Amino acid sequence: MILAPMQGLTEVLFRRTYEECFPGVIPLAVAPFISLTHNLLSTTHSALPSAFDDVLPENNRESMTVVPQILGKEPEEFVAVATRLRDMGYDEVNWNIGCPMRAITAKHRGSGILPHPDELRAVLDEVMPRLPLRLSVKMRLGLQHADECFGVAAVLADYPLASITVHPRLGRQQYSGVPDLDTFERLLPLLKVPVIYNGDLRSQADIDGVMHRFPGLHDIMVGRGILYNPTLPLGISDARQSALFIRRLIEAIHETFPYEQGRVRKIKEYWCLLWKSQPISEMDARKALREQDLETVEKIIFELLQ
């Protein structure tokens, strides 16, 4: 099982805490993306930009193994960032061509590039010969239409990728609707490298169903399912163990965020999902989300976790 990249959630704070509470249970994580922006690695600045903080080796020593991820389509920046990641000790980088956010897709980034296989090929033709580490890809079936994935597959087949992760939704769906497993089944034999499935794996039954239907999968990637139930990778649903993890995560937030406002915001971001691991109602869970005072927010959460 691979931990999915979720901006603001499955970052190093979460990964370290999870590894502390459940050592070795999740062997690998793809980190939330580093966005390629103009002069991200400007030679006028000796220090690395903060965009790299999440994947700095010194920050991840007590974390699970991490694969950094890049979002963007600028070849020079792509190679520069990948080279810096190689210098940091990484041997693989993941390219995000699946992000569904409209501000990103409008620029033909993320899943916005999927309807444009010629643009996809142009990026890979520029990047692959100069890339100093392995490249894997995380994609959706398309932006507007599921059949877009077949043009993408024809392009990807021409390059020696390490793996391809497929979330079988469309970019325009965001996270609504259900994964299109029928199209994924048609796509699977066209992908000539190890394939990883990602999308709506929220229970052991979901995992078993996907693995049974697609026995040739290399692995599965889980994001929200682990936030909804931190013990899912153990093959169980244990509210007590999940409560202990939530408590430790809140402690880690205190250790990481120096100001109360930042702590409140971060606790709420996680609590929006993690409360589902507990035998409590949404009405009770939302009581903490309505408060602004750190002491009050924590008091409500800790009482619900008892």
Protein backbone atom coordinates (compact mmCIF):
# COMPACT_ATOMS: atom_id res chain seq x y z
CA MET A 1 0.00 0.00 0.00
CA ILE A 2 1.19 3.49 -0.94
CA LEU A 3 0.10 6.69 0.82
CA ALA A 4 -1.44 9.08 -1.72
CA PRO A 5 -0.35 12.71 -2.07
CA MET A 6 -2.95 15.05 -0.56
CA GLN A 7 -2.01 18.72 -0.40
CA GLY A 8 -1.91 19.96 3.17
CA LEU A 9 -2.72 16.55 4.63
CA THR A 10 -0.30 13.74 3.81
CA GLU A 11 2.70 15.98 4.26
CA VAL A 12 5.72 15.16 6.41
CA LEU A 13 3.95 16.00 9.70
CA PHE A 14 1.36 13.32 8.99
CA ARG A 15 3.85 10.82 7.55
CA ARG A 16 6.20 11.02 10.54
CA THR A 17 3.36 10.70 13.03
CA TYR A 18 1.89 7.75 11.18
CA GLU A 19 5.25 5.98 11.06
CA GLU A 20 5.70 6.63 14.79
CA CYS A 21 2.31 5.12 15.65
CA PHE A 22 2.26 2.31 13.06
CA PRO A 23 5.90 1.61 12.16
CA GLY A 24 6.44 -0.11 8.83
CA VAL A 25 2.72 -0.46 8.04
CA ILE A 26 2.84 1.91 5.05
CA PRO A 27 6.16 1.33 3.28
CA LEU A 28 5.93 4.14 0.72
CA ALA A 29 4.35 7.57 0.23
CA VAL A 30 4.14 9.93 -2.72
CA ALA A 31 4.57 13.43 -1.34
CA PRO A 32 2.20 16.29 -2.20
CA PHE A 33 3.38 18.08 -5.32
CA ILE A 34 6.08 20.67 -5.78
CA SER A 35 4.63 23.13 -8.28
CA LEU A 36 6.94 24.32 -11.04
CA THR A 37 6.98 28.10 -11.01
CA HIS A 38 9.17 30.62 -12.76
CA ASN A 39 12.67 30.68 -11.25
CA LEU A 40 11.77 28.17 -8.53
CA LEU A 41 15.50 27.38 -8.38
CA SER A 42 16.88 30.81 -9.20
CA THR A 43 20.68 30.90 -9.03
CA THR A 44 20.46 34.18 -7.11
CA HIS A 45 19.26 32.30 -4.02
CA SER A 46 21.51 29.71 -2.38
CA ALA A 47 18.86 28.32 -0.03
CA LEU A 48 16.20 25.90 -1.27
CA PRO A 49 12.70 27.39 -1.57
CA SER A 50 10.17 26.38 1.07
CA ALA A 51 8.43 24.27 -1.59
CA PHE A 52 11.09 21.64 -0.90
CA ASP A 53 10.62 21.54 2.90
CA ASP A 54 8.24 18.57 2.76
CA VAL A 55 10.81 16.33 1.05
CA LEU A 56 14.03 17.47 2.72
CA PRO A 57 15.82 14.27 3.81
CA GLU A 58 16.50 15.67 7.28
CA ASN A 59 12.76 16.20 7.77
CA ASN A 60 11.93 12.67 6.64
CA ARG A 61 14.41 10.57 8.60
CA GLU A 62 11.66 9.26 10.88
CA SER A 63 9.09 9.04 8.09
CA MET A 64 8.18 6.31 5.62
CA THR A 65 10.06 6.17 2.31
CA VAL A 66 9.02 9.10 0.14
CA VAL A 67 8.79 9.75 -3.60
CA PRO A 68 8.63 13.50 -4.40
CA GLN A 69 6.02 14.70 -6.89
CA ILE A 70 6.18 17.49 -9.48
CA LEU A 71 3.24 19.43 -10.94
CA GLY A 72 3.85 21.41 -14.10
CA LYS A 73 4.94 21.08 -17.71
CA GLU A 74 7.94 23.40 -18.09
CA PRO A 75 10.82 21.14 -19.21
CA GLU A 76 13.71 23.28 -17.99
CA GLU A 77 12.17 23.73 -14.54
CA PHE A 78 11.20 20.06 -14.48
CA VAL A 79 14.77 18.91 -15.10
CA ALA A 80 16.21 21.48 -12.67
CA VAL A 81 13.89 20.41 -9.85
CA ALA A 82 14.43 16.71 -10.58
CA THR A 83 18.20 17.24 -10.56
CA ARG A 84 18.01 18.95 -7.18
CA LEU A 85 15.91 16.06 -5.87
CA ARG A 86 18.52 13.61 -7.17
CA ASP A 87 21.20 15.59 -5.35
CA MET A 88 19.12 15.23 -2.18
CA GLY A 89 19.32 11.44 -2.53
CA TYR A 90 16.09 10.59 -4.36
CA ASP A 91 16.09 8.07 -7.21
CA GLU A 92 12.51 8.64 -8.44
CA VAL A 93 10.17 11.55 -9.04
CA ASN A 94 6.45 11.35 -9.77
CA TRP A 95 4.76 13.59 -12.36
CA ASN A 96 1.25 14.73 -11.45
CA ILE A 97 -0.98 14.72 -14.54
CA GLY A 98 -4.11 14.04 -12.53
CA CYS A 99 -4.76 17.11 -10.35
CA PRO A 100 -8.39 18.20 -10.97
CA MET A 101 -8.29 21.76 -9.59
CA ARG A 102 -9.70 24.15 -12.20
CA ALA A 103 -7.06 26.84 -11.70
CA ILE A 104 -4.46 24.20 -12.56
CA THR A 105 -6.26 22.37 -15.37
CA ALA A 106 -7.01 25.67 -17.15
CA LYS A 107 -3.25 26.00 -17.76
CA HIS A 108 -3.00 22.45 -19.17
CA ARG A 109 -1.36 21.27 -15.97
CA GLY A 110 -2.44 18.30 -13.90
CA SER A 111 -5.35 16.54 -15.60
CA GLY A 112 -5.61 19.58 -17.90
CA ILE A 113 -2.89 18.10 -20.12
CA LEU A 114 -4.73 14.80 -20.69
CA PRO A 115 -6.83 16.00 -23.66
CA HIS A 116 -3.59 17.15 -25.33
CA PRO A 117 -1.38 14.10 -25.95
CA ASP A 118 0.88 16.12 -28.28
CA GLU A 119 1.70 18.47 -25.39
CA LEU A 120 2.30 15.46 -23.17
CA ARG A 121 4.72 13.99 -25.69
CA ALA A 122 6.51 17.30 -26.14
CA VAL A 123 7.20 17.51 -22.40
CA LEU A 124 8.41 13.92 -22.18
CA ASP A 125 10.61 14.30 -25.27
CA GLU A 126 12.33 17.26 -23.62
CA VAL A 127 12.54 15.84 -20.12
CA MET A 128 13.23 12.12 -20.39
CA PRO A 129 16.69 12.26 -22.07
CA ARG A 130 17.95 14.65 -19.38
CA LEU A 131 16.16 13.26 -16.33
CA PRO A 132 18.71 12.10 -13.71
CA LEU A 133 16.32 9.73 -11.92
CA ARG A 134 13.36 7.47 -12.65
CA LEU A 135 10.03 8.97 -13.61
CA SER A 136 6.63 7.66 -12.53
CA VAL A 137 3.26 9.19 -13.43
CA LYS A 138 -0.01 9.74 -11.58
CA MET A 139 -2.97 10.38 -13.89
CA ARG A 140 -6.74 10.38 -14.25
CA LEU A 141 -8.72 8.90 -17.12
CA GLY A 142 -9.13 12.32 -18.66
CA LEU A 143 -10.26 15.86 -18.07
CA GLN A 144 -13.66 15.88 -19.79
CA HIS A 145 -14.00 12.39 -21.33
CA ALA A 146 -12.82 8.97 -20.19
CA ASP A 147 -11.62 8.02 -23.68
CA GLU A 148 -8.88 10.64 -23.37
CA CYS A 149 -6.89 8.06 -21.41
CA PHE A 150 -6.30 5.94 -24.52
CA GLY A 151 -4.45 8.72 -26.32
CA VAL A 152 -2.43 9.31 -23.16
CA ALA A 153 -1.60 5.59 -22.89
CA ALA A 154 -0.33 5.57 -26.49
CA VAL A 155 2.10 8.37 -25.61
CA LEU A 156 3.24 6.93 -22.27
CA ALA A 157 3.97 3.57 -23.90
CA ASP A 158 6.93 5.16 -25.71
CA TYR A 159 8.83 6.04 -22.53
CA PRO A 160 10.53 3.89 -19.83
CA LEU A 161 8.40 4.94 -16.88
CA ALA A 162 8.87 3.38 -13.44
CA SER A 163 5.10 3.04 -12.87
CA ILE A 164 1.74 4.62 -13.66
CA THR A 165 -0.85 5.35 -10.99
CA VAL A 166 -4.40 5.73 -12.28
CA HIS A 167 -7.27 7.42 -10.47
CA PRO A 168 -10.22 6.33 -12.67
CA ARG A 169 -12.18 9.56 -12.52
CA LEU A 170 -12.25 12.64 -14.76
CA GLY A 171 -10.70 15.92 -13.79
CA ARG A 172 -14.05 17.69 -14.16
CA GLN A 173 -15.54 15.32 -11.58
CA GLN A 174 -13.13 16.49 -8.89
CA TYR A 175 -13.86 13.84 -6.22
CA SER A 176 -17.56 13.29 -6.93
CA GLY A 177 -19.21 10.35 -8.61
CA VAL A 178 -17.75 6.86 -8.63
CA PRO A 179 -14.55 5.55 -10.23
CA ASP A 180 -15.01 4.28 -13.80
CA LEU A 181 -13.73 0.74 -13.36
CA ASP A 182 -14.92 -0.41 -16.76
CA THR A 183 -12.75 2.14 -18.59
CA PHE A 184 -9.89 1.38 -16.22
CA GLU A 185 -10.22 -2.30 -17.17
CA ARG A 186 -9.91 -1.38 -20.87
CA LEU A 187 -6.94 0.87 -20.15
CA LEU A 188 -4.99 -1.57 -18.00
CA PRO A 189 -3.57 -3.83 -20.77
CA LEU A 190 -2.36 -0.76 -22.69
CA LEU A 191 -0.07 0.34 -19.85
CA LYS A 192 3.18 -1.57 -20.28
CA VAL A 193 4.72 -0.70 -16.91
CA PRO A 194 3.65 -1.49 -13.32
CA VAL A 195 0.18 -0.03 -12.65
CA ILE A 196 -1.03 1.28 -9.31
CA TYR A 197 -4.73 1.81 -8.58
CA ASN A 198 -5.94 4.87 -6.66
CA GLY A 199 -9.48 5.98 -5.84
CA ASP A 200 -12.24 5.36 -3.28
CA LEU A 201 -10.47 2.64 -1.29
CA ARG A 202 -12.12 3.32 2.05
CA SER A 203 -12.51 -0.17 3.50
CA GLN A 204 -10.89 -3.56 3.33
CA ALA A 205 -13.82 -4.71 1.22
CA ASP A 206 -13.04 -1.94 -1.31
CA ILE A 207 -9.40 -3.04 -1.44
CA ASP A 208 -10.29 -6.71 -1.78
CA GLY A 209 -12.77 -5.92 -4.55
CA VAL A 210 -10.25 -3.99 -6.64
CA MET A 211 -7.48 -6.56 -6.12
CA HIS A 212 -9.84 -9.37 -7.07
CA ARG A 213 -11.07 -7.66 -10.23
CA PHE A 214 -7.58 -6.52 -11.29
CA PRO A 215 -5.14 -9.20 -10.07
CA GLY A 216 -2.34 -7.81 -12.25
CA LEU A 217 -2.06 -4.57 -10.28
CA HIS A 218 1.39 -3.74 -8.99
CA ASP A 219 0.04 -1.97 -5.90
CA ILE A 220 -2.73 0.25 -4.54
CA MET A 221 -2.56 3.87 -3.40
CA VAL A 222 -4.82 5.12 -0.61
CA GLY A 223 -5.45 8.67 0.57
CA ARG A 224 -8.79 9.58 2.12
CA GLY A 225 -9.37 6.00 3.20
CA ILE A 226 -6.45 6.31 5.62
CA LEU A 227 -7.69 9.67 6.90
CA TYR A 228 -11.13 8.16 7.46
CA ASN A 229 -9.62 5.11 9.15
CA PRO A 230 -5.92 5.28 10.11
CA THR A 231 -5.96 1.55 10.88
CA LEU A 232 -7.10 0.60 7.36
CA PRO A 233 -3.56 -0.38 6.27
CA LEU A 234 -3.57 -2.89 9.14
CA GLY A 235 -6.64 -4.52 7.59
CA ILE A 236 -8.86 -3.51 10.51
CA SER A 237 -11.06 -0.71 11.79
CA ASP A 238 -10.00 0.06 15.36
CA ALA A 239 -11.44 3.28 16.80
CA ARG A 240 -9.23 3.07 19.90
CA GLN A 241 -5.98 2.88 17.93
CA SER A 242 -7.21 5.62 15.61
CA ALA A 243 -8.00 7.82 18.63
CA LEU A 244 -4.46 7.36 19.92
CA PHE A 245 -3.13 8.38 16.51
CA ILE A 246 -5.33 11.49 16.45
CA ARG A 247 -4.06 12.51 19.88
CA ARG A 248 -0.44 12.05 18.79
CA LEU A 249 -1.08 14.00 15.57
CA ILE A 250 -2.44 16.93 17.58
CA GLU A 251 0.68 16.79 19.78
CA ALA A 252 2.81 16.88 16.62
CA ILE A 253 0.89 19.91 15.38
CA HIS A 254 1.75 21.68 18.65
CA GLU A 255 5.41 20.78 18.15
CA THR A 256 5.39 22.06 14.55
CA PHE A 257 3.18 25.17 14.51
CA PRO A 258 4.34 27.98 16.80
CA TYR A 259 1.14 30.06 16.72
CA GLU A 260 -2.32 29.23 18.02
CA GLN A 261 -4.12 30.23 14.81
CA GLY A 262 -1.98 27.86 12.75
CA ARG A 263 -2.58 25.04 15.21
CA VAL A 264 -6.36 25.53 15.15
CA ARG A 265 -6.43 25.60 11.36
CA LYS A 266 -4.34 22.45 11.03
CA ILE A 267 -6.26 20.49 13.67
CA LYS A 268 -9.53 21.32 11.94
CA GLU A 269 -8.15 20.28 8.53
CA TYR A 270 -7.42 16.82 9.89
CA TRP A 271 -10.46 16.54 12.13
CA CYS A 272 -12.75 17.10 9.11
CA LEU A 273 -11.73 13.62 7.96
CA LEU A 274 -10.36 11.81 11.00
CA TRP A 275 -13.57 12.03 13.01
CA LYS A 276 -15.03 9.39 10.70
CA SER A 277 -12.78 6.81 12.38
CA GLN A 278 -14.71 7.30 15.63
CA PRO A 279 -18.16 6.09 16.77
CA ILE A 280 -19.53 9.63 16.89
CA SER A 281 -22.07 11.59 14.89
CA GLU A 282 -21.28 14.28 12.35
CA MET A 283 -23.28 16.70 14.50
CA ASP A 284 -20.95 16.09 17.44
CA ALA A 285 -17.83 16.20 15.25
CA ARG A 286 -18.83 19.59 13.84
CA LYS A 287 -18.92 21.16 17.29
CA ALA A 288 -15.13 21.38 17.21
CA LEU A 289 -15.15 22.86 13.71
CA ARG A 290 -17.36 25.75 14.78
CA GLU A 291 -14.97 26.92 17.50
CA GLN A 292 -11.98 29.25 17.04
CA ASP A 293 -10.26 28.94 20.41
CA LEU A 294 -7.54 26.26 20.52
CA GLU A 295 -8.31 25.11 24.05
CA THR A 296 -12.01 24.75 23.26
CA VAL A 297 -11.40 22.90 19.99
CA GLU A 298 -9.08 20.41 21.68
CA LYS A 299 -11.37 19.96 24.70
CA ILE A 300 -14.26 18.97 22.42
CA ILE A 301 -12.11 16.59 20.36
CA PHE A 302 -10.52 14.91 23.35
CA GLU A 303 -13.88 14.42 25.05
CA LEU A 304 -15.21 12.78 21.86
CA LEU A 305 -12.18 10.50 21.70
CA GLN A 306 -12.71 9.07 25.18
